[in-house]
N, C-alpha and C. Protein backbone atom coordinates (compact mmCIF):
# COMPACT_ATOMS: atom_id res chain seq x y z
N UNK A 1 1.12 -25.79 -17.11
CA UNK A 1 1.35 -27.01 -16.35
C UNK A 1 2.66 -27.64 -16.78
N UNK A 2 3.48 -28.01 -15.80
CA UNK A 2 4.76 -28.62 -16.10
C UNK A 2 4.55 -30.11 -16.39
N UNK A 3 5.18 -30.60 -17.44
CA UNK A 3 5.08 -32.01 -17.80
C UNK A 3 6.21 -32.76 -17.10
N UNK A 4 5.84 -33.72 -16.28
CA UNK A 4 6.82 -34.55 -15.58
C UNK A 4 7.07 -35.81 -16.41
N UNK A 5 8.25 -36.41 -16.24
CA UNK A 5 8.58 -37.61 -17.01
C UNK A 5 7.55 -38.74 -16.87
N UNK A 6 6.91 -38.82 -15.74
CA UNK A 6 5.97 -39.92 -15.52
C UNK A 6 4.53 -39.57 -15.88
N UNK A 7 4.27 -38.39 -16.41
CA UNK A 7 2.90 -37.96 -16.70
C UNK A 7 2.16 -38.90 -17.65
N UNK A 8 2.83 -39.38 -18.67
CA UNK A 8 2.21 -40.29 -19.62
C UNK A 8 1.80 -41.58 -18.93
N UNK A 9 2.65 -42.08 -18.09
CA UNK A 9 2.35 -43.33 -17.37
C UNK A 9 1.19 -43.12 -16.41
N UNK A 10 1.18 -42.01 -15.70
CA UNK A 10 0.10 -41.72 -14.77
C UNK A 10 -1.24 -41.65 -15.50
N UNK A 11 -1.28 -40.98 -16.63
CA UNK A 11 -2.53 -40.89 -17.40
C UNK A 11 -3.00 -42.28 -17.83
N UNK A 12 -2.10 -43.12 -18.27
CA UNK A 12 -2.50 -44.46 -18.71
C UNK A 12 -2.99 -45.32 -17.54
N UNK A 13 -2.31 -45.26 -16.43
CA UNK A 13 -2.74 -46.04 -15.26
C UNK A 13 -4.09 -45.54 -14.76
N UNK A 14 -4.27 -44.24 -14.73
CA UNK A 14 -5.56 -43.67 -14.32
C UNK A 14 -6.67 -44.17 -15.25
N UNK A 15 -6.43 -44.16 -16.53
CA UNK A 15 -7.42 -44.61 -17.50
C UNK A 15 -7.78 -46.08 -17.28
N UNK A 16 -6.78 -46.93 -17.07
CA UNK A 16 -7.02 -48.37 -16.92
C UNK A 16 -7.55 -48.75 -15.54
N UNK A 17 -7.42 -47.87 -14.56
CA UNK A 17 -7.90 -48.13 -13.21
C UNK A 17 -9.32 -47.61 -12.99
N UNK A 18 -9.73 -46.68 -13.81
CA UNK A 18 -11.02 -46.01 -13.64
C UNK A 18 -12.16 -47.02 -13.60
N UNK A 19 -13.00 -46.87 -12.59
CA UNK A 19 -14.18 -47.72 -12.48
C UNK A 19 -13.96 -49.06 -11.82
N UNK A 20 -12.74 -49.39 -11.45
CA UNK A 20 -12.45 -50.67 -10.80
C UNK A 20 -12.10 -50.40 -9.34
N UNK A 21 -13.00 -50.74 -8.43
CA UNK A 21 -12.80 -50.44 -7.02
C UNK A 21 -11.68 -51.25 -6.38
N UNK A 22 -11.21 -52.28 -7.08
CA UNK A 22 -10.10 -53.08 -6.55
C UNK A 22 -8.74 -52.55 -6.98
N UNK A 23 -8.74 -51.55 -7.85
CA UNK A 23 -7.49 -50.96 -8.30
C UNK A 23 -7.37 -49.55 -7.73
N UNK A 24 -6.15 -49.23 -7.34
CA UNK A 24 -5.88 -47.88 -6.83
C UNK A 24 -4.54 -47.42 -7.35
N UNK A 25 -4.43 -46.14 -7.54
CA UNK A 25 -3.12 -45.60 -7.89
C UNK A 25 -2.92 -44.27 -7.19
N UNK A 26 -1.66 -44.00 -6.94
CA UNK A 26 -1.28 -42.75 -6.29
C UNK A 26 0.06 -42.34 -6.85
N UNK A 27 0.26 -41.05 -6.93
CA UNK A 27 1.53 -40.55 -7.45
C UNK A 27 1.96 -39.32 -6.66
N UNK A 28 3.23 -39.06 -6.73
CA UNK A 28 3.79 -37.91 -6.03
C UNK A 28 4.99 -37.39 -6.80
N UNK A 29 5.03 -36.08 -6.99
CA UNK A 29 6.16 -35.41 -7.62
C UNK A 29 6.94 -34.65 -6.56
N UNK A 30 8.16 -35.07 -6.30
CA UNK A 30 9.01 -34.22 -5.47
C UNK A 30 9.34 -32.98 -6.28
N UNK A 31 9.39 -31.83 -5.62
CA UNK A 31 9.61 -30.57 -6.34
C UNK A 31 10.38 -29.60 -5.45
N UNK A 32 11.59 -29.25 -5.85
CA UNK A 32 12.43 -28.37 -5.04
C UNK A 32 11.83 -26.97 -4.89
N UNK A 33 10.85 -26.62 -5.73
CA UNK A 33 10.24 -25.28 -5.66
C UNK A 33 9.07 -25.21 -4.70
N UNK A 34 8.61 -26.34 -4.17
CA UNK A 34 7.44 -26.38 -3.30
C UNK A 34 7.82 -27.11 -2.02
N UNK A 35 7.85 -26.39 -0.91
CA UNK A 35 8.30 -26.98 0.36
C UNK A 35 7.44 -28.16 0.81
N UNK A 36 6.19 -28.22 0.39
CA UNK A 36 5.32 -29.34 0.76
C UNK A 36 5.60 -30.58 -0.08
N UNK A 37 6.42 -30.41 -1.11
CA UNK A 37 6.73 -31.53 -2.01
C UNK A 37 8.22 -31.84 -2.01
N UNK A 38 8.83 -31.69 -0.84
CA UNK A 38 10.27 -31.93 -0.75
C UNK A 38 10.64 -33.00 0.26
N UNK A 39 9.70 -33.40 1.10
CA UNK A 39 10.07 -34.32 2.17
C UNK A 39 9.18 -35.56 2.19
N UNK A 40 9.55 -36.49 3.04
CA UNK A 40 8.86 -37.77 3.13
C UNK A 40 7.47 -37.63 3.74
N UNK A 41 7.30 -36.68 4.63
CA UNK A 41 5.99 -36.45 5.23
C UNK A 41 4.98 -36.06 4.14
N UNK A 42 5.38 -35.14 3.27
CA UNK A 42 4.52 -34.74 2.17
C UNK A 42 4.19 -35.92 1.26
N UNK A 43 5.19 -36.75 0.99
CA UNK A 43 4.99 -37.94 0.18
C UNK A 43 3.94 -38.85 0.81
N UNK A 44 4.13 -39.18 2.08
CA UNK A 44 3.23 -40.12 2.75
C UNK A 44 1.81 -39.58 2.85
N UNK A 45 1.68 -38.30 3.21
CA UNK A 45 0.34 -37.70 3.32
C UNK A 45 -0.38 -37.75 1.97
N UNK A 46 0.34 -37.46 0.91
CA UNK A 46 -0.25 -37.47 -0.42
C UNK A 46 -0.68 -38.88 -0.83
N UNK A 47 0.19 -39.86 -0.65
CA UNK A 47 -0.15 -41.24 -1.03
C UNK A 47 -1.36 -41.75 -0.23
N UNK A 48 -1.37 -41.48 1.07
CA UNK A 48 -2.49 -41.91 1.91
C UNK A 48 -3.78 -41.24 1.47
N UNK A 49 -3.71 -39.96 1.22
CA UNK A 49 -4.90 -39.21 0.79
C UNK A 49 -5.45 -39.76 -0.53
N UNK A 50 -4.57 -40.03 -1.47
CA UNK A 50 -5.01 -40.54 -2.77
C UNK A 50 -5.61 -41.94 -2.67
N UNK A 51 -4.99 -42.80 -1.86
CA UNK A 51 -5.55 -44.14 -1.69
C UNK A 51 -6.90 -44.06 -0.98
N UNK A 52 -7.02 -43.17 0.00
CA UNK A 52 -8.29 -43.00 0.71
C UNK A 52 -9.39 -42.53 -0.24
N UNK A 53 -9.01 -41.70 -1.19
CA UNK A 53 -10.02 -41.20 -2.14
C UNK A 53 -10.52 -42.29 -3.08
N UNK A 54 -9.81 -43.40 -3.14
CA UNK A 54 -10.24 -44.53 -3.96
C UNK A 54 -11.23 -45.43 -3.22
N UNK A 55 -11.46 -45.15 -1.95
CA UNK A 55 -12.33 -45.97 -1.11
C UNK A 55 -13.72 -45.35 -1.03
N UNK A 56 -14.73 -46.19 -0.93
CA UNK A 56 -16.09 -45.68 -0.79
C UNK A 56 -16.37 -45.24 0.65
N UNK A 57 -15.71 -45.86 1.61
CA UNK A 57 -15.85 -45.52 3.03
C UNK A 57 -14.50 -45.10 3.59
N UNK A 58 -14.52 -44.48 4.75
CA UNK A 58 -13.28 -44.09 5.42
C UNK A 58 -12.51 -45.36 5.81
N UNK A 59 -11.27 -45.51 5.33
CA UNK A 59 -10.48 -46.70 5.68
C UNK A 59 -10.23 -46.78 7.19
N UNK A 60 -10.30 -47.98 7.71
CA UNK A 60 -10.09 -48.20 9.15
C UNK A 60 -8.71 -47.69 9.57
N UNK A 61 -7.73 -47.82 8.71
CA UNK A 61 -6.37 -47.36 9.04
C UNK A 61 -6.35 -45.86 9.31
N UNK A 62 -7.14 -45.10 8.56
CA UNK A 62 -7.20 -43.65 8.78
C UNK A 62 -7.96 -43.31 10.06
N UNK A 63 -9.04 -44.04 10.31
CA UNK A 63 -9.78 -43.82 11.55
C UNK A 63 -8.88 -44.09 12.75
N UNK A 64 -8.10 -45.15 12.68
CA UNK A 64 -7.19 -45.50 13.77
C UNK A 64 -6.10 -44.43 13.91
N UNK A 65 -5.54 -43.99 12.82
CA UNK A 65 -4.51 -42.95 12.84
C UNK A 65 -5.04 -41.68 13.49
N UNK A 66 -6.23 -41.29 13.11
CA UNK A 66 -6.87 -40.09 13.66
C UNK A 66 -7.11 -40.24 15.17
N UNK A 67 -7.66 -41.38 15.58
CA UNK A 67 -7.98 -41.62 16.99
C UNK A 67 -6.73 -41.69 17.86
N UNK A 68 -5.67 -42.29 17.35
CA UNK A 68 -4.45 -42.44 18.15
C UNK A 68 -3.60 -41.17 18.21
N UNK A 69 -4.03 -40.15 17.50
CA UNK A 69 -3.31 -38.88 17.53
C UNK A 69 -4.24 -37.77 18.01
N UNK A 70 -4.94 -38.13 19.10
CA UNK A 70 -5.85 -37.20 19.80
C UNK A 70 -6.81 -36.51 18.83
N UNK A 71 -7.45 -37.35 18.04
CA UNK A 71 -8.45 -36.87 17.07
C UNK A 71 -7.95 -35.73 16.21
N UNK A 72 -6.74 -35.89 15.75
CA UNK A 72 -6.16 -34.91 14.84
C UNK A 72 -5.45 -33.75 15.50
N UNK A 73 -5.41 -33.71 16.81
CA UNK A 73 -4.76 -32.60 17.52
C UNK A 73 -3.23 -32.72 17.46
N UNK A 74 -2.74 -33.94 17.29
CA UNK A 74 -1.30 -34.19 17.24
C UNK A 74 -0.96 -34.72 15.85
N UNK A 75 0.10 -34.19 15.26
CA UNK A 75 0.54 -34.66 13.94
C UNK A 75 1.13 -36.06 14.07
N UNK A 76 0.75 -36.97 13.20
CA UNK A 76 1.32 -38.32 13.25
C UNK A 76 2.80 -38.31 12.86
N UNK A 77 3.52 -39.25 13.40
CA UNK A 77 4.93 -39.39 13.05
C UNK A 77 5.03 -39.99 11.65
N UNK A 78 6.20 -39.89 11.08
CA UNK A 78 6.44 -40.51 9.78
C UNK A 78 6.21 -42.01 9.87
N UNK A 79 6.64 -42.62 10.95
CA UNK A 79 6.43 -44.06 11.15
C UNK A 79 4.95 -44.43 11.19
N UNK A 80 4.14 -43.60 11.84
CA UNK A 80 2.68 -43.84 11.88
C UNK A 80 2.07 -43.74 10.50
N UNK A 81 2.56 -42.80 9.71
CA UNK A 81 2.05 -42.63 8.35
C UNK A 81 2.41 -43.83 7.48
N UNK A 82 3.64 -44.32 7.64
CA UNK A 82 4.07 -45.50 6.87
C UNK A 82 3.20 -46.71 7.25
N UNK A 83 2.95 -46.87 8.53
CA UNK A 83 2.11 -47.97 9.01
C UNK A 83 0.69 -47.86 8.44
N UNK A 84 0.14 -46.65 8.42
CA UNK A 84 -1.21 -46.45 7.87
C UNK A 84 -1.24 -46.78 6.38
N UNK A 85 -0.20 -46.37 5.65
CA UNK A 85 -0.13 -46.70 4.23
C UNK A 85 -0.13 -48.21 4.02
N UNK A 86 0.64 -48.91 4.81
CA UNK A 86 0.72 -50.37 4.70
C UNK A 86 -0.66 -51.00 4.92
N UNK A 87 -1.37 -50.54 5.94
CA UNK A 87 -2.69 -51.08 6.24
C UNK A 87 -3.68 -50.75 5.11
N UNK A 88 -3.59 -49.55 4.57
CA UNK A 88 -4.51 -49.15 3.51
C UNK A 88 -4.29 -49.95 2.22
N UNK A 89 -3.08 -50.36 2.00
CA UNK A 89 -2.78 -51.11 0.78
C UNK A 89 -3.49 -52.45 0.73
N UNK A 90 -3.84 -53.01 1.88
CA UNK A 90 -4.50 -54.31 1.92
C UNK A 90 -5.93 -54.25 1.39
N UNK A 91 -6.47 -53.05 1.22
CA UNK A 91 -7.84 -52.88 0.74
C UNK A 91 -7.96 -53.25 -0.74
N UNK A 92 -6.89 -53.07 -1.50
CA UNK A 92 -6.93 -53.17 -2.95
C UNK A 92 -6.24 -54.43 -3.47
N UNK A 93 -6.71 -54.91 -4.61
CA UNK A 93 -6.05 -56.06 -5.23
C UNK A 93 -4.88 -55.62 -6.10
N UNK A 94 -4.97 -54.44 -6.69
CA UNK A 94 -3.89 -53.88 -7.50
C UNK A 94 -3.63 -52.45 -7.09
N UNK A 95 -2.36 -52.15 -6.84
CA UNK A 95 -1.97 -50.79 -6.44
C UNK A 95 -0.79 -50.36 -7.30
N UNK A 96 -0.91 -49.15 -7.82
CA UNK A 96 0.15 -48.54 -8.61
C UNK A 96 0.60 -47.28 -7.89
N UNK A 97 1.88 -47.21 -7.60
CA UNK A 97 2.45 -46.02 -6.95
C UNK A 97 3.57 -45.50 -7.83
N UNK A 98 3.49 -44.22 -8.12
CA UNK A 98 4.51 -43.56 -8.94
C UNK A 98 5.08 -42.41 -8.13
N UNK A 99 6.38 -42.42 -7.99
CA UNK A 99 7.07 -41.34 -7.27
C UNK A 99 8.11 -40.77 -8.21
N UNK A 100 7.93 -39.52 -8.54
CA UNK A 100 8.75 -38.85 -9.55
C UNK A 100 9.75 -37.90 -8.88
N UNK A 101 10.93 -37.84 -9.46
CA UNK A 101 11.99 -36.89 -9.05
C UNK A 101 12.51 -37.17 -7.64
N UNK A 102 12.86 -38.42 -7.38
CA UNK A 102 13.41 -38.78 -6.07
C UNK A 102 14.60 -37.90 -5.68
N UNK A 103 15.35 -37.49 -6.68
CA UNK A 103 16.55 -36.68 -6.42
C UNK A 103 16.21 -35.31 -5.83
N UNK A 104 14.96 -34.89 -5.88
CA UNK A 104 14.57 -33.60 -5.33
C UNK A 104 14.06 -33.69 -3.89
N UNK A 105 14.06 -34.88 -3.33
CA UNK A 105 13.67 -35.06 -1.92
C UNK A 105 14.83 -34.61 -1.03
N UNK A 106 14.53 -33.83 -0.01
CA UNK A 106 15.58 -33.33 0.89
C UNK A 106 15.93 -34.33 1.99
N UNK A 107 15.19 -35.43 2.07
CA UNK A 107 15.43 -36.46 3.09
C UNK A 107 15.75 -37.79 2.41
N UNK A 108 16.87 -37.83 1.72
CA UNK A 108 17.22 -39.00 0.93
C UNK A 108 17.28 -40.29 1.77
N UNK A 109 17.87 -40.22 2.93
CA UNK A 109 18.02 -41.42 3.76
C UNK A 109 16.65 -41.95 4.19
N UNK A 110 15.78 -41.08 4.67
CA UNK A 110 14.43 -41.49 5.06
C UNK A 110 13.64 -42.02 3.88
N UNK A 111 13.80 -41.38 2.73
CA UNK A 111 13.11 -41.83 1.53
C UNK A 111 13.54 -43.24 1.15
N UNK A 112 14.84 -43.51 1.18
CA UNK A 112 15.32 -44.85 0.84
C UNK A 112 14.80 -45.88 1.85
N UNK A 113 14.73 -45.50 3.13
CA UNK A 113 14.18 -46.41 4.14
C UNK A 113 12.72 -46.75 3.83
N UNK A 114 11.94 -45.74 3.47
CA UNK A 114 10.52 -45.96 3.17
C UNK A 114 10.38 -46.85 1.95
N UNK A 115 11.13 -46.58 0.91
CA UNK A 115 11.04 -47.40 -0.31
C UNK A 115 11.44 -48.85 -0.01
N UNK A 116 12.48 -49.04 0.78
CA UNK A 116 12.89 -50.40 1.15
C UNK A 116 11.81 -51.10 1.97
N UNK A 117 11.16 -50.37 2.89
CA UNK A 117 10.07 -50.97 3.68
C UNK A 117 8.93 -51.39 2.77
N UNK A 118 8.53 -50.52 1.87
CA UNK A 118 7.43 -50.85 0.97
C UNK A 118 7.77 -52.09 0.15
N UNK A 119 8.99 -52.17 -0.32
CA UNK A 119 9.44 -53.34 -1.07
C UNK A 119 9.38 -54.60 -0.20
N UNK A 120 9.73 -54.49 1.06
CA UNK A 120 9.74 -55.64 1.97
C UNK A 120 8.34 -56.13 2.31
N UNK A 121 7.34 -55.29 2.15
CA UNK A 121 5.97 -55.72 2.44
C UNK A 121 5.52 -56.81 1.50
N UNK A 122 6.11 -56.88 0.33
CA UNK A 122 5.82 -57.94 -0.65
C UNK A 122 4.33 -58.03 -0.96
N UNK A 123 3.69 -56.89 -1.04
CA UNK A 123 2.28 -56.86 -1.47
C UNK A 123 2.26 -57.32 -2.92
N UNK A 124 1.68 -58.48 -3.18
CA UNK A 124 1.77 -59.12 -4.48
C UNK A 124 1.31 -58.31 -5.66
N UNK A 125 0.41 -57.39 -5.44
CA UNK A 125 -0.13 -56.64 -6.56
C UNK A 125 0.31 -55.17 -6.54
N UNK A 126 1.39 -54.91 -5.87
CA UNK A 126 1.93 -53.56 -5.80
C UNK A 126 2.91 -53.35 -6.95
N UNK A 127 2.69 -52.27 -7.68
CA UNK A 127 3.56 -51.90 -8.79
C UNK A 127 4.08 -50.51 -8.50
N UNK A 128 5.40 -50.37 -8.44
CA UNK A 128 6.00 -49.08 -8.11
C UNK A 128 6.89 -48.62 -9.26
N UNK A 129 6.74 -47.35 -9.60
CA UNK A 129 7.63 -46.72 -10.56
C UNK A 129 8.28 -45.54 -9.85
N UNK A 130 9.59 -45.53 -9.87
CA UNK A 130 10.37 -44.45 -9.27
C UNK A 130 11.18 -43.78 -10.37
N UNK A 131 11.17 -42.46 -10.40
CA UNK A 131 11.98 -41.76 -11.39
C UNK A 131 12.93 -40.81 -10.67
N UNK A 132 14.07 -40.61 -11.31
CA UNK A 132 15.08 -39.73 -10.74
C UNK A 132 16.13 -39.45 -11.80
N UNK A 133 16.79 -38.33 -11.61
CA UNK A 133 18.00 -38.12 -12.39
C UNK A 133 19.05 -39.07 -11.85
N UNK A 134 20.08 -39.29 -12.63
CA UNK A 134 21.15 -40.18 -12.18
C UNK A 134 21.88 -39.54 -11.00
N UNK A 135 21.78 -40.18 -9.85
CA UNK A 135 22.45 -39.74 -8.63
C UNK A 135 23.10 -40.97 -8.03
N UNK A 136 24.37 -40.89 -7.74
CA UNK A 136 25.11 -42.05 -7.23
C UNK A 136 24.49 -42.61 -5.96
N UNK A 137 24.14 -41.74 -5.00
CA UNK A 137 23.56 -42.22 -3.73
C UNK A 137 22.26 -42.98 -3.97
N UNK A 138 21.43 -42.47 -4.85
CA UNK A 138 20.17 -43.15 -5.15
C UNK A 138 20.42 -44.48 -5.84
N UNK A 139 21.33 -44.50 -6.78
CA UNK A 139 21.63 -45.75 -7.50
C UNK A 139 22.06 -46.85 -6.56
N UNK A 140 22.90 -46.53 -5.58
CA UNK A 140 23.39 -47.53 -4.63
C UNK A 140 22.22 -48.18 -3.90
N UNK A 141 21.23 -47.40 -3.49
CA UNK A 141 20.09 -47.93 -2.75
C UNK A 141 19.04 -48.60 -3.64
N UNK A 142 18.83 -48.06 -4.82
CA UNK A 142 17.73 -48.52 -5.65
C UNK A 142 18.07 -49.69 -6.57
N UNK A 143 19.29 -49.81 -6.99
CA UNK A 143 19.63 -50.87 -7.94
C UNK A 143 19.24 -52.28 -7.48
N UNK A 144 19.44 -52.62 -6.20
CA UNK A 144 19.02 -53.97 -5.80
C UNK A 144 17.50 -54.18 -5.83
N UNK A 145 16.72 -53.10 -5.85
CA UNK A 145 15.27 -53.19 -5.78
C UNK A 145 14.58 -53.04 -7.13
N UNK A 146 15.32 -52.70 -8.17
CA UNK A 146 14.62 -52.22 -9.35
C UNK A 146 15.26 -52.65 -10.66
N UNK A 147 14.52 -52.35 -11.69
CA UNK A 147 15.01 -52.41 -13.05
C UNK A 147 15.22 -50.97 -13.47
N UNK A 148 16.37 -50.65 -13.98
CA UNK A 148 16.68 -49.27 -14.34
C UNK A 148 16.49 -49.10 -15.84
N UNK A 149 15.73 -48.08 -16.20
CA UNK A 149 15.52 -47.72 -17.59
C UNK A 149 15.93 -46.27 -17.74
N UNK A 150 16.81 -46.00 -18.66
CA UNK A 150 17.25 -44.64 -18.89
C UNK A 150 16.34 -43.98 -19.91
N UNK A 151 15.74 -42.87 -19.50
CA UNK A 151 14.85 -42.11 -20.37
C UNK A 151 15.53 -40.80 -20.70
N UNK A 152 16.10 -40.72 -21.85
CA UNK A 152 16.91 -39.58 -22.22
C UNK A 152 16.24 -38.63 -23.20
N UNK A 153 15.04 -38.97 -23.70
CA UNK A 153 14.46 -38.16 -24.75
C UNK A 153 12.95 -38.08 -24.64
N UNK A 154 12.39 -36.95 -25.01
CA UNK A 154 10.94 -36.79 -24.99
C UNK A 154 10.27 -37.58 -26.12
N UNK A 155 11.04 -38.04 -27.07
CA UNK A 155 10.52 -38.80 -28.21
C UNK A 155 9.91 -40.12 -27.73
N UNK A 156 10.34 -40.61 -26.60
CA UNK A 156 9.89 -41.93 -26.15
C UNK A 156 8.53 -41.92 -25.46
N UNK A 157 7.88 -40.77 -25.29
CA UNK A 157 6.56 -40.73 -24.66
C UNK A 157 5.58 -41.71 -25.29
N UNK A 158 5.53 -41.76 -26.59
CA UNK A 158 4.61 -42.67 -27.29
C UNK A 158 4.96 -44.12 -26.99
N UNK A 159 6.25 -44.44 -26.95
CA UNK A 159 6.67 -45.80 -26.62
C UNK A 159 6.27 -46.17 -25.21
N UNK A 160 6.40 -45.25 -24.28
CA UNK A 160 6.00 -45.50 -22.90
C UNK A 160 4.50 -45.79 -22.85
N UNK A 161 3.72 -44.99 -23.54
CA UNK A 161 2.27 -45.18 -23.57
C UNK A 161 1.92 -46.57 -24.07
N UNK A 162 2.51 -46.97 -25.16
CA UNK A 162 2.23 -48.29 -25.73
C UNK A 162 2.65 -49.42 -24.78
N UNK A 163 3.81 -49.26 -24.15
CA UNK A 163 4.29 -50.28 -23.23
C UNK A 163 3.35 -50.41 -22.02
N UNK A 164 2.99 -49.28 -21.42
CA UNK A 164 2.11 -49.31 -20.25
C UNK A 164 0.75 -49.91 -20.61
N UNK A 165 0.22 -49.53 -21.73
CA UNK A 165 -1.08 -50.08 -22.16
C UNK A 165 -0.99 -51.59 -22.32
N UNK A 166 0.07 -52.07 -22.93
CA UNK A 166 0.24 -53.52 -23.12
C UNK A 166 0.40 -54.23 -21.78
N UNK A 167 1.17 -53.64 -20.88
CA UNK A 167 1.40 -54.25 -19.57
C UNK A 167 0.13 -54.30 -18.74
N UNK A 168 -0.71 -53.28 -18.82
CA UNK A 168 -1.93 -53.24 -18.04
C UNK A 168 -3.00 -54.19 -18.58
N UNK A 169 -2.93 -54.47 -19.89
CA UNK A 169 -3.90 -55.39 -20.47
C UNK A 169 -3.46 -56.81 -20.20
């Protein structure tokens, strides 16, 4: 199993969210070696699926998405998926989304649009962590939305664990 930079954080959030139906988390690793993990459609489908799995019943947003796309006969557009994600987020009081390796997405422009939309939703309990190698195009879009932390060494895994645990408590 390949260790991603955000793996420690994902494990901690999963641990602190377990058993709380008002908390949800979803993560996605972009991966240049897997065609299903290179584009925004794969990202959205994964996030929606993970949030749905945190629900005890089928979310109304998914039922609507299914019905409006001829009961699954037609693939939803990226815009429809983004809208469904937004609706599903209202189910939870706390949501953690982690997207790793943004630089490996083949649709950088669409990805930045989606991230900006999610930020504009101003869901008060939404916590997003984005990771990427240093890429000028990404920095231009992300700097206004984020706090940048440079992670240059595997030695800091323990520090990340302690920080996330403290922040979640």
